[in-house]
All heavy atoms as atom14 arrays in JSON, in Angstrom:
{
  "sequence": "GNRAGKAPDSYYLPAARSGIMQSRDVLSTALIKRATRIG",
  "atom14_mask": [
    [1, 1, 1, 1, 0, 0, 0, 0, 0, 0, 0, 0, 0, 0],
    [1, 1, 1, 1, 1, 1, 1, 1, 0, 0, 0, 0, 0, 0],
    [1, 1, 1, 1, 1, 1, 1, 1, 1, 1, 1, 0, 0, 0],
    [1, 1, 1, 1, 1, 0, 0, 0, 0, 0, 0, 0, 0, 0],
    [1, 1, 1, 1, 0, 0, 0, 0, 0, 0, 0, 0, 0, 0],
    [1, 1, 1, 1, 1, 1, 1, 1, 1, 0, 0, 0, 0, 0],
    [1, 1, 1, 1, 1, 0, 0, 0, 0, 0, 0, 0, 0, 0],
    [1, 1, 1, 1, 1, 1, 1, 0, 0, 0, 0, 0, 0, 0],
    [1, 1, 1, 1, 1, 1, 1, 1, 0, 0, 0, 0, 0, 0],
    [1, 1, 1, 1, 1, 1, 0, 0, 0, 0, 0, 0, 0, 0],
    [1, 1, 1, 1, 1, 1, 1, 1, 1, 1, 1, 1, 0, 0],
    [1, 1, 1, 1, 1, 1, 1, 1, 1, 1, 1, 1, 0, 0],
    [1, 1, 1, 1, 1, 1, 1, 1, 0, 0, 0, 0, 0, 0],
    [1, 1, 1, 1, 1, 1, 1, 0, 0, 0, 0, 0, 0, 0],
    [1, 1, 1, 1, 1, 0, 0, 0, 0, 0, 0, 0, 0, 0],
    [1, 1, 1, 1, 1, 0, 0, 0, 0, 0, 0, 0, 0, 0],
    [1, 1, 1, 1, 1, 1, 1, 1, 1, 1, 1, 0, 0, 0],
    [1, 1, 1, 1, 1, 1, 0, 0, 0, 0, 0, 0, 0, 0],
    [1, 1, 1, 1, 0, 0, 0, 0, 0, 0, 0, 0, 0, 0],
    [1, 1, 1, 1, 1, 1, 1, 1, 0, 0, 0, 0, 0, 0],
    [1, 1, 1, 1, 1, 1, 1, 1, 0, 0, 0, 0, 0, 0],
    [1, 1, 1, 1, 1, 1, 1, 1, 1, 0, 0, 0, 0, 0],
    [1, 1, 1, 1, 1, 1, 0, 0, 0, 0, 0, 0, 0, 0],
    [1, 1, 1, 1, 1, 1, 1, 1, 1, 1, 1, 0, 0, 0],
    [1, 1, 1, 1, 1, 1, 1, 1, 0, 0, 0, 0, 0, 0],
    [1, 1, 1, 1, 1, 1, 1, 0, 0, 0, 0, 0, 0, 0],
    [1, 1, 1, 1, 1, 1, 1, 1, 0, 0, 0, 0, 0, 0],
    [1, 1, 1, 1, 1, 1, 0, 0, 0, 0, 0, 0, 0, 0],
    [1, 1, 1, 1, 1, 1, 1, 0, 0, 0, 0, 0, 0, 0],
    [1, 1, 1, 1, 1, 0, 0, 0, 0, 0, 0, 0, 0, 0],
    [1, 1, 1, 1, 1, 1, 1, 1, 0, 0, 0, 0, 0, 0],
    [1, 1, 1, 1, 1, 1, 1, 1, 0, 0, 0, 0, 0, 0],
    [1, 1, 1, 1, 1, 1, 1, 1, 1, 0, 0, 0, 0, 0],
    [1, 1, 1, 1, 1, 1, 1, 1, 1, 1, 1, 0, 0, 0],
    [1, 1, 1, 1, 1, 0, 0, 0, 0, 0, 0, 0, 0, 0],
    [1, 1, 1, 1, 1, 1, 1, 0, 0, 0, 0, 0, 0, 0],
    [1, 1, 1, 1, 1, 1, 1, 1, 1, 1, 1, 0, 0, 0],
    [1, 1, 1, 1, 1, 1, 1, 1, 0, 0, 0, 0, 0, 0],
    [1, 1, 1, 1, 0, 0, 0, 0, 0, 0, 0, 0, 0, 0]
  ],
  "atom14_positions": [
    [[43.46, -59.18, -3.0], [43.09, -59.66, -4.32], [41.98, -58.84, -4.93], [41.06, -59.38, -5.55], [0.0, 0.0, 0.0], [0.0, 0.0, 0.0], [0.0, 0.0, 0.0], [0.0, 0.0, 0.0], [0.0, 0.0, 0.0], [0.0, 0.0, 0.0], [0.0, 0.0, 0.0], [0.0, 0.0, 0.0], [0.0, 0.0, 0.0], [0.0, 0.0, 0.0]],
    [[42.03, -57.53, -4.73], [41.05, -56.59, -5.31], [39.64, -56.86, -4.84], [38.67, -56.51, -5.51], [41.12, -56.64, -6.85], [40.46, -55.42, -7.47], [40.57, -54.32, -6.95], [39.79, -55.62, -8.58], [0.0, 0.0, 0.0], [0.0, 0.0, 0.0], [0.0, 0.0, 0.0], [0.0, 0.0, 0.0], [0.0, 0.0, 0.0], [0.0, 0.0, 0.0]],
    [[39.5, -57.52, -3.69], [38.19, -57.78, -3.09], [37.27, -58.59, -3.99], [36.08, -58.66, -3.77], [37.5, -56.46, -2.71], [38.28, -55.61, -1.71], [37.42, -54.47, -1.25], [38.15, -53.61, -0.31], [38.8, -52.53, -0.68], [38.8, -52.17, -1.93], [39.42, -51.81, 0.22], [0.0, 0.0, 0.0], [0.0, 0.0, 0.0], [0.0, 0.0, 0.0]],
    [[37.81, -59.21, -5.02], [36.95, -59.98, -5.92], [37.58, -61.31, -6.29], [36.99, -62.09, -7.01], [36.68, -59.18, -7.18], [0.0, 0.0, 0.0], [0.0, 0.0, 0.0], [0.0, 0.0, 0.0], [0.0, 0.0, 0.0], [0.0, 0.0, 0.0], [0.0, 0.0, 0.0], [0.0, 0.0, 0.0], [0.0, 0.0, 0.0], [0.0, 0.0, 0.0]],
    [[38.78, -61.57, -5.81], [39.43, -62.83, -6.1], [40.17, -62.85, -7.42], [40.93, -63.74, -7.69], [0.0, 0.0, 0.0], [0.0, 0.0, 0.0], [0.0, 0.0, 0.0], [0.0, 0.0, 0.0], [0.0, 0.0, 0.0], [0.0, 0.0, 0.0], [0.0, 0.0, 0.0], [0.0, 0.0, 0.0], [0.0, 0.0, 0.0], [0.0, 0.0, 0.0]],
    [[40.0, -61.81, -8.27], [40.69, -61.76, -9.54], [40.94, -60.31, -9.92], [40.06, -59.47, -9.84], [39.89, -62.45, -10.65], [40.69, -62.65, -11.93], [39.87, -63.35, -12.98], [40.76, -63.75, -14.17], [41.53, -62.62, -14.72], [0.0, 0.0, 0.0], [0.0, 0.0, 0.0], [0.0, 0.0, 0.0], [0.0, 0.0, 0.0], [0.0, 0.0, 0.0]],
    [[42.17, -60.02, -10.32], [42.51, -58.66, -10.68], [41.79, -58.26, -11.97], [41.53, -59.09, -12.83], [44.03, -58.54, -10.88], [0.0, 0.0, 0.0], [0.0, 0.0, 0.0], [0.0, 0.0, 0.0], [0.0, 0.0, 0.0], [0.0, 0.0, 0.0], [0.0, 0.0, 0.0], [0.0, 0.0, 0.0], [0.0, 0.0, 0.0], [0.0, 0.0, 0.0]],
    [[41.45, -56.97, -12.12], [40.79, -56.52, -13.35], [41.73, -56.62, -14.54], [42.94, -56.43, -14.41], [40.42, -55.07, -13.04], [41.39, -54.65, -11.99], [41.65, -55.87, -11.16], [0.0, 0.0, 0.0], [0.0, 0.0, 0.0], [0.0, 0.0, 0.0], [0.0, 0.0, 0.0], [0.0, 0.0, 0.0], [0.0, 0.0, 0.0], [0.0, 0.0, 0.0]],
    [[41.17, -56.9, -15.69], [41.93, -56.96, -16.94], [41.68, -55.69, -17.74], [40.74, -54.94, -17.47], [41.53, -58.18, -17.77], [41.89, -59.49, -17.08], [43.05, -59.62, -16.63], [41.03, -60.37, -16.98], [0.0, 0.0, 0.0], [0.0, 0.0, 0.0], [0.0, 0.0, 0.0], [0.0, 0.0, 0.0], [0.0, 0.0, 0.0], [0.0, 0.0, 0.0]],
    [[42.51, -55.46, -18.74], [42.3, -54.34, -19.65], [42.33, -54.86, -21.08], [43.08, -55.79, -21.4], [43.37, -53.26, -19.45], [44.67, -53.81, -19.51], [0.0, 0.0, 0.0], [0.0, 0.0, 0.0], [0.0, 0.0, 0.0], [0.0, 0.0, 0.0], [0.0, 0.0, 0.0], [0.0, 0.0, 0.0], [0.0, 0.0, 0.0], [0.0, 0.0, 0.0]],
    [[41.49, -54.25, -21.92], [41.36, -54.67, -23.32], [41.37, -53.43, -24.2], [40.81, -52.4, -23.83], [40.08, -55.48, -23.53], [40.02, -56.71, -22.66], [39.29, -56.72, -21.47], [40.73, -57.86, -23.0], [39.25, -57.83, -20.66], [40.7, -58.98, -22.18], [39.96, -58.96, -21.03], [39.94, -60.07, -20.22], [0.0, 0.0, 0.0], [0.0, 0.0, 0.0]],
    [[41.98, -53.57, -25.37], [42.15, -52.44, -26.27], [41.57, -52.81, -27.63], [42.02, -53.76, -28.26], [43.64, -52.1, -26.4], [43.93, -50.7, -26.9], [44.47, -49.74, -26.06], [43.69, -50.35, -28.23], [44.76, -48.46, -26.52], [43.96, -49.07, -28.69], [44.5, -48.13, -27.83], [44.78, -46.87, -28.29], [0.0, 0.0, 0.0], [0.0, 0.0, 0.0]],
    [[40.54, -52.08, -28.06], [39.99, -52.28, -29.4], [40.57, -51.19, -30.29], [40.16, -50.03, -30.22], [38.46, -52.2, -29.38], [37.73, -53.21, -28.49], [36.23, -53.14, -28.73], [38.22, -54.62, -28.73], [0.0, 0.0, 0.0], [0.0, 0.0, 0.0], [0.0, 0.0, 0.0], [0.0, 0.0, 0.0], [0.0, 0.0, 0.0], [0.0, 0.0, 0.0]],
    [[41.55, -51.53, -31.14], [42.25, -50.51, -31.93], [41.4, -49.98, -33.06], [40.4, -50.58, -33.47], [43.47, -51.27, -32.46], [43.01, -52.69, -32.54], [42.06, -52.9, -31.39], [0.0, 0.0, 0.0], [0.0, 0.0, 0.0], [0.0, 0.0, 0.0], [0.0, 0.0, 0.0], [0.0, 0.0, 0.0], [0.0, 0.0, 0.0], [0.0, 0.0, 0.0]],
    [[41.82, -48.85, -33.62], [41.09, -48.25, -34.74], [41.09, -49.17, -35.96], [40.19, -49.09, -36.8], [41.71, -46.89, -35.09], [0.0, 0.0, 0.0], [0.0, 0.0, 0.0], [0.0, 0.0, 0.0], [0.0, 0.0, 0.0], [0.0, 0.0, 0.0], [0.0, 0.0, 0.0], [0.0, 0.0, 0.0], [0.0, 0.0, 0.0], [0.0, 0.0, 0.0]],
    [[42.08, -50.05, -36.04], [42.19, -50.95, -37.2], [41.33, -52.2, -37.07], [41.44, -53.11, -37.89], [43.65, -51.35, -37.39], [0.0, 0.0, 0.0], [0.0, 0.0, 0.0], [0.0, 0.0, 0.0], [0.0, 0.0, 0.0], [0.0, 0.0, 0.0], [0.0, 0.0, 0.0], [0.0, 0.0, 0.0], [0.0, 0.0, 0.0], [0.0, 0.0, 0.0]],
    [[40.46, -52.28, -36.06], [39.74, -53.53, -35.81], [38.85, -53.95, -36.97], [38.7, -55.14, -37.25], [38.89, -53.4, -34.53], [37.86, -52.3, -34.54], [37.24, -52.1, -33.17], [36.34, -50.95, -33.13], [36.74, -49.71, -32.91], [38.02, -49.47, -32.71], [35.87, -48.71, -32.89], [0.0, 0.0, 0.0], [0.0, 0.0, 0.0], [0.0, 0.0, 0.0]],
    [[38.24, -52.98, -37.67], [37.37, -53.33, -38.79], [38.15, -54.04, -39.89], [37.73, -55.08, -40.4], [36.7, -52.07, -39.34], [35.91, -52.37, -40.47], [0.0, 0.0, 0.0], [0.0, 0.0, 0.0], [0.0, 0.0, 0.0], [0.0, 0.0, 0.0], [0.0, 0.0, 0.0], [0.0, 0.0, 0.0], [0.0, 0.0, 0.0], [0.0, 0.0, 0.0]],
    [[39.3, -53.47, -40.26], [40.13, -54.11, -41.29], [40.65, -55.46, -40.86], [40.73, -56.39, -41.67], [0.0, 0.0, 0.0], [0.0, 0.0, 0.0], [0.0, 0.0, 0.0], [0.0, 0.0, 0.0], [0.0, 0.0, 0.0], [0.0, 0.0, 0.0], [0.0, 0.0, 0.0], [0.0, 0.0, 0.0], [0.0, 0.0, 0.0], [0.0, 0.0, 0.0]],
    [[40.99, -55.58, -39.57], [41.47, -56.88, -39.07], [40.37, -57.92, -39.18], [40.61, -59.06, -39.6], [41.95, -56.73, -37.61], [43.24, -55.91, -37.57], [42.19, -58.11, -36.98], [43.71, -55.56, -36.17], [0.0, 0.0, 0.0], [0.0, 0.0, 0.0], [0.0, 0.0, 0.0], [0.0, 0.0, 0.0], [0.0, 0.0, 0.0], [0.0, 0.0, 0.0]],
    [[39.15, -57.57, -38.81], [38.04, -58.52, -38.89], [37.75, -58.92, -40.32], [37.48, -60.09, -40.62], [36.79, -57.93, -38.24], [36.9, -57.72, -36.74], [37.23, -59.23, -35.8], [35.69, -60.12, -36.03], [0.0, 0.0, 0.0], [0.0, 0.0, 0.0], [0.0, 0.0, 0.0], [0.0, 0.0, 0.0], [0.0, 0.0, 0.0], [0.0, 0.0, 0.0]],
    [[37.83, -57.97, -41.25], [37.53, -58.27, -42.65], [38.62, -59.12, -43.29], [38.34, -59.88, -44.22], [37.33, -56.98, -43.44], [36.06, -56.24, -43.07], [35.73, -55.12, -44.04], [36.5, -54.82, -44.94], [34.57, -54.52, -43.85], [0.0, 0.0, 0.0], [0.0, 0.0, 0.0], [0.0, 0.0, 0.0], [0.0, 0.0, 0.0], [0.0, 0.0, 0.0]],
    [[39.85, -59.0, -42.81], [40.95, -59.78, -43.39], [41.37, -60.94, -42.5], [42.42, -61.53, -42.71], [42.16, -58.85, -43.63], [42.57, -58.23, -42.42], [0.0, 0.0, 0.0], [0.0, 0.0, 0.0], [0.0, 0.0, 0.0], [0.0, 0.0, 0.0], [0.0, 0.0, 0.0], [0.0, 0.0, 0.0], [0.0, 0.0, 0.0], [0.0, 0.0, 0.0]],
    [[40.54, -61.28, -41.5], [40.89, -62.33, -40.55], [41.2, -63.65, -41.23], [42.15, -64.35, -40.88], [39.76, -62.5, -39.53], [40.11, -63.37, -38.33], [38.91, -64.13, -37.84], [38.46, -65.08, -38.84], [38.92, -66.33, -38.94], [39.85, -66.77, -38.12], [38.46, -67.13, -39.88], [0.0, 0.0, 0.0], [0.0, 0.0, 0.0], [0.0, 0.0, 0.0]],
    [[40.39, -64.04, -42.22], [40.62, -65.32, -42.89], [41.97, -65.34, -43.6], [42.69, -66.35, -43.57], [39.49, -65.58, -43.91], [38.15, -65.8, -43.23], [38.15, -66.13, -42.03], [37.12, -65.64, -43.9], [0.0, 0.0, 0.0], [0.0, 0.0, 0.0], [0.0, 0.0, 0.0], [0.0, 0.0, 0.0], [0.0, 0.0, 0.0], [0.0, 0.0, 0.0]],
    [[42.31, -64.23, -44.26], [43.61, -64.15, -44.95], [44.74, -64.2, -43.93], [45.75, -64.88, -44.13], [43.68, -62.85, -45.78], [45.06, -62.7, -46.42], [42.6, -62.83, -46.84], [0.0, 0.0, 0.0], [0.0, 0.0, 0.0], [0.0, 0.0, 0.0], [0.0, 0.0, 0.0], [0.0, 0.0, 0.0], [0.0, 0.0, 0.0], [0.0, 0.0, 0.0]],
    [[44.58, -63.48, -42.82], [45.62, -63.46, -41.78], [45.82, -64.84, -41.18], [46.96, -65.28, -40.97], [45.23, -62.47, -40.68], [45.37, -60.99, -41.0], [44.71, -60.15, -39.93], [46.84, -60.61, -41.14], [0.0, 0.0, 0.0], [0.0, 0.0, 0.0], [0.0, 0.0, 0.0], [0.0, 0.0, 0.0], [0.0, 0.0, 0.0], [0.0, 0.0, 0.0]],
    [[44.73, -65.56, -40.9], [44.86, -66.88, -40.29], [45.55, -67.85, -41.24], [46.4, -68.64, -40.83], [43.48, -67.43, -39.9], [42.65, -67.55, -41.04], [0.0, 0.0, 0.0], [0.0, 0.0, 0.0], [0.0, 0.0, 0.0], [0.0, 0.0, 0.0], [0.0, 0.0, 0.0], [0.0, 0.0, 0.0], [0.0, 0.0, 0.0], [0.0, 0.0, 0.0]],
    [[45.24, -67.78, -42.54], [45.91, -68.63, -43.52], [47.39, -68.32, -43.59], [48.24, -69.21, -43.62], [45.27, -68.44, -44.91], [43.88, -68.75, -44.82], [45.92, -69.36, -45.94], [0.0, 0.0, 0.0], [0.0, 0.0, 0.0], [0.0, 0.0, 0.0], [0.0, 0.0, 0.0], [0.0, 0.0, 0.0], [0.0, 0.0, 0.0], [0.0, 0.0, 0.0]],
    [[47.72, -67.01, -43.59], [49.13, -66.61, -43.63], [49.88, -67.08, -42.4], [51.03, -67.52, -42.49], [49.22, -65.09, -43.77], [0.0, 0.0, 0.0], [0.0, 0.0, 0.0], [0.0, 0.0, 0.0], [0.0, 0.0, 0.0], [0.0, 0.0, 0.0], [0.0, 0.0, 0.0], [0.0, 0.0, 0.0], [0.0, 0.0, 0.0], [0.0, 0.0, 0.0]],
    [[49.25, -67.01, -41.23], [49.9, -67.45, -40.0], [50.19, -68.94, -40.03], [51.26, -69.39, -39.62], [49.01, -67.11, -38.8], [48.95, -65.65, -38.38], [47.89, -65.44, -37.33], [50.3, -65.17, -37.87], [0.0, 0.0, 0.0], [0.0, 0.0, 0.0], [0.0, 0.0, 0.0], [0.0, 0.0, 0.0], [0.0, 0.0, 0.0], [0.0, 0.0, 0.0]],
    [[49.25, -69.73, -40.55], [49.45, -71.17, -40.62], [50.6, -71.51, -41.56], [51.48, -72.32, -41.26], [48.15, -71.87, -41.07], [47.08, -71.72, -39.98], [48.39, -73.34, -41.36], [45.7, -72.13, -40.43], [0.0, 0.0, 0.0], [0.0, 0.0, 0.0], [0.0, 0.0, 0.0], [0.0, 0.0, 0.0], [0.0, 0.0, 0.0], [0.0, 0.0, 0.0]],
    [[50.62, -70.87, -42.73], [51.69, -71.14, -43.7], [53.04, -70.69, -43.16], [54.04, -71.38, -43.31], [51.38, -70.42, -45.01], [50.24, -71.06, -45.8], [50.06, -70.37, -47.14], [48.97, -71.05, -47.96], [48.78, -70.41, -49.28], [0.0, 0.0, 0.0], [0.0, 0.0, 0.0], [0.0, 0.0, 0.0], [0.0, 0.0, 0.0], [0.0, 0.0, 0.0]],
    [[53.06, -69.53, -42.52], [54.32, -68.99, -42.01], [54.87, -69.85, -40.87], [56.08, -69.98, -40.7], [54.11, -67.56, -41.52], [55.4, -66.77, -41.35], [55.06, -65.32, -41.04], [56.26, -64.53, -40.95], [56.87, -63.95, -41.97], [56.39, -64.12, -43.18], [57.95, -63.22, -41.8], [0.0, 0.0, 0.0], [0.0, 0.0, 0.0], [0.0, 0.0, 0.0]],
    [[53.97, -70.45, -40.12], [54.41, -71.28, -39.0], [55.16, -72.52, -39.46], [55.91, -73.12, -38.7], [53.21, -71.69, -38.15], [0.0, 0.0, 0.0], [0.0, 0.0, 0.0], [0.0, 0.0, 0.0], [0.0, 0.0, 0.0], [0.0, 0.0, 0.0], [0.0, 0.0, 0.0], [0.0, 0.0, 0.0], [0.0, 0.0, 0.0], [0.0, 0.0, 0.0]],
    [[54.95, -72.94, -40.71], [55.61, -74.14, -41.2], [56.71, -73.81, -42.21], [57.29, -74.72, -42.79], [54.58, -75.06, -41.89], [53.97, -74.36, -42.98], [53.51, -75.49, -40.92], [0.0, 0.0, 0.0], [0.0, 0.0, 0.0], [0.0, 0.0, 0.0], [0.0, 0.0, 0.0], [0.0, 0.0, 0.0], [0.0, 0.0, 0.0], [0.0, 0.0, 0.0]],
    [[56.98, -72.53, -42.43], [57.98, -72.16, -43.42], [59.39, -72.46, -42.93], [59.76, -72.14, -41.81], [57.85, -70.66, -43.76], [58.72, -70.24, -44.96], [58.52, -68.78, -45.27], [57.13, -68.49, -45.59], [56.68, -67.27, -45.78], [57.5, -66.24, -45.67], [55.42, -67.07, -46.08], [0.0, 0.0, 0.0], [0.0, 0.0, 0.0], [0.0, 0.0, 0.0]],
    [[60.18, -73.08, -43.8], [61.56, -73.41, -43.46], [62.4, -72.14, -43.52], [62.27, -71.33, -44.44], [62.12, -74.47, -44.43], [61.3, -75.76, -44.3], [63.59, -74.75, -44.15], [61.67, -76.8, -45.31], [0.0, 0.0, 0.0], [0.0, 0.0, 0.0], [0.0, 0.0, 0.0], [0.0, 0.0, 0.0], [0.0, 0.0, 0.0], [0.0, 0.0, 0.0]],
    [[63.29, -72.0, -42.57], [64.19, -70.85, -42.57], [63.55, -69.57, -42.12], [63.96, -68.47, -42.51], [0.0, 0.0, 0.0], [0.0, 0.0, 0.0], [0.0, 0.0, 0.0], [0.0, 0.0, 0.0], [0.0, 0.0, 0.0], [0.0, 0.0, 0.0], [0.0, 0.0, 0.0], [0.0, 0.0, 0.0], [0.0, 0.0, 0.0], [0.0, 0.0, 0.0]]
  ]
}
């Protein structure tokens, strides 16, 4: 078990992270609306 009881994870911070953070509120609203859209 990698001598630590938990395998190491990997994380990727993409070049688009700044735009994602600035538009996070818009994205979250769109996700909520899309999740309830019929069809």
